[in-house]
């Protein structure tokens, strides 16, 4: 009976193989194109300059939620120079969020 049930169900066609390098290149190209079109404004920019790394996690999470909710193609996060700790926190947050990509400016 199990063999008959398996034979009766239609086989799904296999999706074409995904080339990871090609997919990453396409994503980088889309990000670069979005950044070329993007204009930094107060509405799409989070300024973290002068902040401490332990203070920024909530703000970055809320900002990314807002930008994704508004379907913005690009958002800008200003981290300043300092020790680089804030930039490191921001990069880690981007790495955890599957719907975001760091552009070439970070």
C-alpha atoms as a PDB file:
ATOM      1  CA  UNK A   1       0.000   0.000   0.000  1.00  0.00           C
ATOM      2  CA  UNK A   2       2.800   2.490   0.737  1.00  0.00           C
ATOM      3  CA  UNK A   3       4.367   1.891  -2.652  1.00  0.00           C
ATOM      4  CA  UNK A   4       1.023   2.508  -4.351  1.00  0.00           C
ATOM      5  CA  UNK A   5       0.573   5.782  -2.460  1.00  0.00           C
ATOM      6  CA  UNK A   6       4.068   6.890  -3.419  1.00  0.00           C
ATOM      7  CA  UNK A   7       3.447   6.037  -7.056  1.00  0.00           C
ATOM      8  CA  UNK A   8       0.134   7.898  -7.043  1.00  0.00           C
ATOM      9  CA  UNK A   9       1.581  11.172  -5.760  1.00  0.00           C
ATOM     10  CA  UNK A  10       3.071  13.352  -8.497  1.00  0.00           C
ATOM     11  CA  UNK A  11       6.790  14.026  -8.311  1.00  0.00           C
ATOM     12  CA  UNK A  12       7.809  17.588  -7.791  1.00  0.00           C
ATOM     13  CA  UNK A  13      10.385  18.890 -10.220  1.00  0.00           C
ATOM     14  CA  UNK A  14      13.708  19.616  -8.634  1.00  0.00           C
ATOM     15  CA  UNK A  15      14.656  23.261  -8.455  1.00  0.00           C
ATOM     16  CA  UNK A  16      17.720  24.161 -10.475  1.00  0.00           C
ATOM     17  CA  UNK A  17      20.983  23.982  -8.548  1.00  0.00           C
ATOM     18  CA  UNK A  18      21.822  27.219  -6.774  1.00  0.00           C
ATOM     19  CA  UNK A  19      25.285  28.573  -7.292  1.00  0.00           C
ATOM     20  CA  UNK A  20      26.132  30.264  -4.004  1.00  0.00           C
ATOM     21  CA  UNK A  21      28.766  32.514  -5.566  1.00  0.00           C
ATOM     22  CA  UNK A  22      26.351  33.656  -8.269  1.00  0.00           C
ATOM     23  CA  UNK A  23      23.640  34.395  -5.690  1.00  0.00           C
ATOM     24  CA  UNK A  24      26.098  36.398  -3.552  1.00  0.00           C
ATOM     25  CA  UNK A  25      27.244  38.357  -6.612  1.00  0.00           C
ATOM     26  CA  UNK A  26      23.646  39.174  -7.530  1.00  0.00           C
ATOM     27  CA  UNK A  27      22.994  40.337  -3.977  1.00  0.00           C
ATOM     28  CA  UNK A  28      26.115  42.536  -3.972  1.00  0.00           C
ATOM     29  CA  UNK A  29      25.046  44.024  -7.315  1.00  0.00           C
ATOM     30  CA  UNK A  30      21.544  44.803  -5.984  1.00  0.00           C
ATOM     31  CA  UNK A  31      23.004  46.405  -2.855  1.00  0.00           C
ATOM     32  CA  UNK A  32      25.420  48.503  -4.914  1.00  0.00           C
ATOM     33  CA  UNK A  33      22.603  49.633  -7.226  1.00  0.00           C
ATOM     34  CA  UNK A  34      20.398  50.557  -4.252  1.00  0.00           C
ATOM     35  CA  UNK A  35      23.223  52.563  -2.691  1.00  0.00           C
ATOM     36  CA  UNK A  36      23.773  54.457  -5.942  1.00  0.00           C
ATOM     37  CA  UNK A  37      20.110  55.487  -5.923  1.00  0.00           C
ATOM     38  CA  UNK A  38      19.961  56.150  -2.184  1.00  0.00           C
ATOM     39  CA  UNK A  39      20.058  59.609  -0.718  1.00  0.00           C
ATOM     40  CA  UNK A  40      20.851  59.983   2.965  1.00  0.00           C
ATOM     41  CA  UNK A  41      18.162  61.905   4.844  1.00  0.00           C
ATOM     42  CA  UNK A  42      17.162  62.291   8.484  1.00  0.00           C
ATOM     43  CA  UNK A  43      14.446  59.690   7.894  1.00  0.00           C
ATOM     44  CA  UNK A  44      16.774  56.911   6.752  1.00  0.00           C
ATOM     45  CA  UNK A  45      19.805  57.640   8.947  1.00  0.00           C
ATOM     46  CA  UNK A  46      20.681  56.520  12.461  1.00  0.00           C
ATOM     47  CA  UNK A  47      23.494  58.581  13.977  1.00  0.00           C
ATOM     48  CA  UNK A  48      25.400  56.642  16.641  1.00  0.00           C
ATOM     49  CA  UNK A  49      28.469  58.880  16.761  1.00  0.00           C
ATOM     50  CA  UNK A  50      29.678  59.455  20.299  1.00  0.00           C
ATOM     51  CA  UNK A  51      27.670  56.520  21.679  1.00  0.00           C
ATOM     52  CA  UNK A  52      29.000  53.559  23.630  1.00  0.00           C
ATOM     53  CA  UNK A  53      28.753  50.047  22.200  1.00  0.00           C
ATOM     54  CA  UNK A  54      26.581  48.791  25.064  1.00  0.00           C
ATOM     55  CA  UNK A  55      24.011  51.559  24.389  1.00  0.00           C
ATOM     56  CA  UNK A  56      23.322  50.997  20.699  1.00  0.00           C
ATOM     57  CA  UNK A  57      21.851  47.493  20.360  1.00  0.00           C
ATOM     58  CA  UNK A  58      18.234  48.462  21.053  1.00  0.00           C
ATOM     59  CA  UNK A  59      18.429  51.555  18.840  1.00  0.00           C
ATOM     60  CA  UNK A  60      19.871  49.621  15.907  1.00  0.00           C
ATOM     61  CA  UNK A  61      17.263  46.846  16.262  1.00  0.00           C
ATOM     62  CA  UNK A  62      14.417  49.376  16.357  1.00  0.00           C
ATOM     63  CA  UNK A  63      15.869  51.312  13.417  1.00  0.00           C
ATOM     64  CA  UNK A  64      16.258  48.185  11.275  1.00  0.00           C
ATOM     65  CA  UNK A  65      12.695  47.103  12.117  1.00  0.00           C
ATOM     66  CA  UNK A  66      11.426  50.527  11.068  1.00  0.00           C
ATOM     67  CA  UNK A  67      13.429  50.551   7.811  1.00  0.00           C
ATOM     68  CA  UNK A  68      12.339  47.007   6.903  1.00  0.00           C
ATOM     69  CA  UNK A  69       8.732  47.839   7.784  1.00  0.00           C
ATOM     70  CA  UNK A  70       8.872  50.835   5.448  1.00  0.00           C
ATOM     71  CA  UNK A  71      10.473  48.656   2.751  1.00  0.00           C
ATOM     72  CA  UNK A  72      13.379  51.056   2.398  1.00  0.00           C
ATOM     73  CA  UNK A  73      16.012  49.935  -0.076  1.00  0.00           C
ATOM     74  CA  UNK A  74      18.817  51.557   1.868  1.00  0.00           C
ATOM     75  CA  UNK A  75      19.449  52.893   5.333  1.00  0.00           C
ATOM     76  CA  UNK A  76      22.482  54.618   6.767  1.00  0.00           C
ATOM     77  CA  UNK A  77      24.041  54.024  10.172  1.00  0.00           C
ATOM     78  CA  UNK A  78      26.750  56.459  11.197  1.00  0.00           C
ATOM     79  CA  UNK A  79      29.157  55.005  13.738  1.00  0.00           C
ATOM     80  CA  UNK A  80      32.005  57.497  13.862  1.00  0.00           C
ATOM     81  CA  UNK A  81      35.630  56.537  14.457  1.00  0.00           C
ATOM     82  CA  UNK A  82      36.599  55.950  18.083  1.00  0.00           C
ATOM     83  CA  UNK A  83      37.710  52.433  18.979  1.00  0.00           C
ATOM     84  CA  UNK A  84      35.479  50.695  16.439  1.00  0.00           C
ATOM     85  CA  UNK A  85      33.386  48.997  19.123  1.00  0.00           C
ATOM     86  CA  UNK A  86      30.095  50.515  17.908  1.00  0.00           C
ATOM     87  CA  UNK A  87      30.835  49.482  14.319  1.00  0.00           C
ATOM     88  CA  UNK A  88      31.556  45.947  15.526  1.00  0.00           C
ATOM     89  CA  UNK A  89      28.192  45.774  17.349  1.00  0.00           C
ATOM     90  CA  UNK A  90      26.378  47.063  14.246  1.00  0.00           C
ATOM     91  CA  UNK A  91      28.079  44.474  12.025  1.00  0.00           C
ATOM     92  CA  UNK A  92      27.145  41.689  14.444  1.00  0.00           C
ATOM     93  CA  UNK A  93      23.517  42.814  14.421  1.00  0.00           C
ATOM     94  CA  UNK A  94      23.506  42.831  10.613  1.00  0.00           C
ATOM     95  CA  UNK A  95      24.982  39.335  10.566  1.00  0.00           C
ATOM     96  CA  UNK A  96      22.126  38.038  12.749  1.00  0.00           C
ATOM     97  CA  UNK A  97      19.408  39.631  10.604  1.00  0.00           C
ATOM     98  CA  UNK A  98      18.838  37.529   7.495  1.00  0.00           C
ATOM     99  CA  UNK A  99      16.965  40.321   5.709  1.00  0.00           C
ATOM    100  CA  UNK A 100      19.802  42.854   5.786  1.00  0.00           C
ATOM    101  CA  UNK A 101      23.089  43.228   4.015  1.00  0.00           C
ATOM    102  CA  UNK A 102      25.995  45.454   4.845  1.00  0.00           C
ATOM    103  CA  UNK A 103      26.889  47.613   1.926  1.00  0.00           C
ATOM    104  CA  UNK A 104      30.409  48.457   0.879  1.00  0.00           C
ATOM    105  CA  UNK A 105      30.590  51.540   3.070  1.00  0.00           C
ATOM    106  CA  UNK A 106      30.618  49.723   6.411  1.00  0.00           C
END
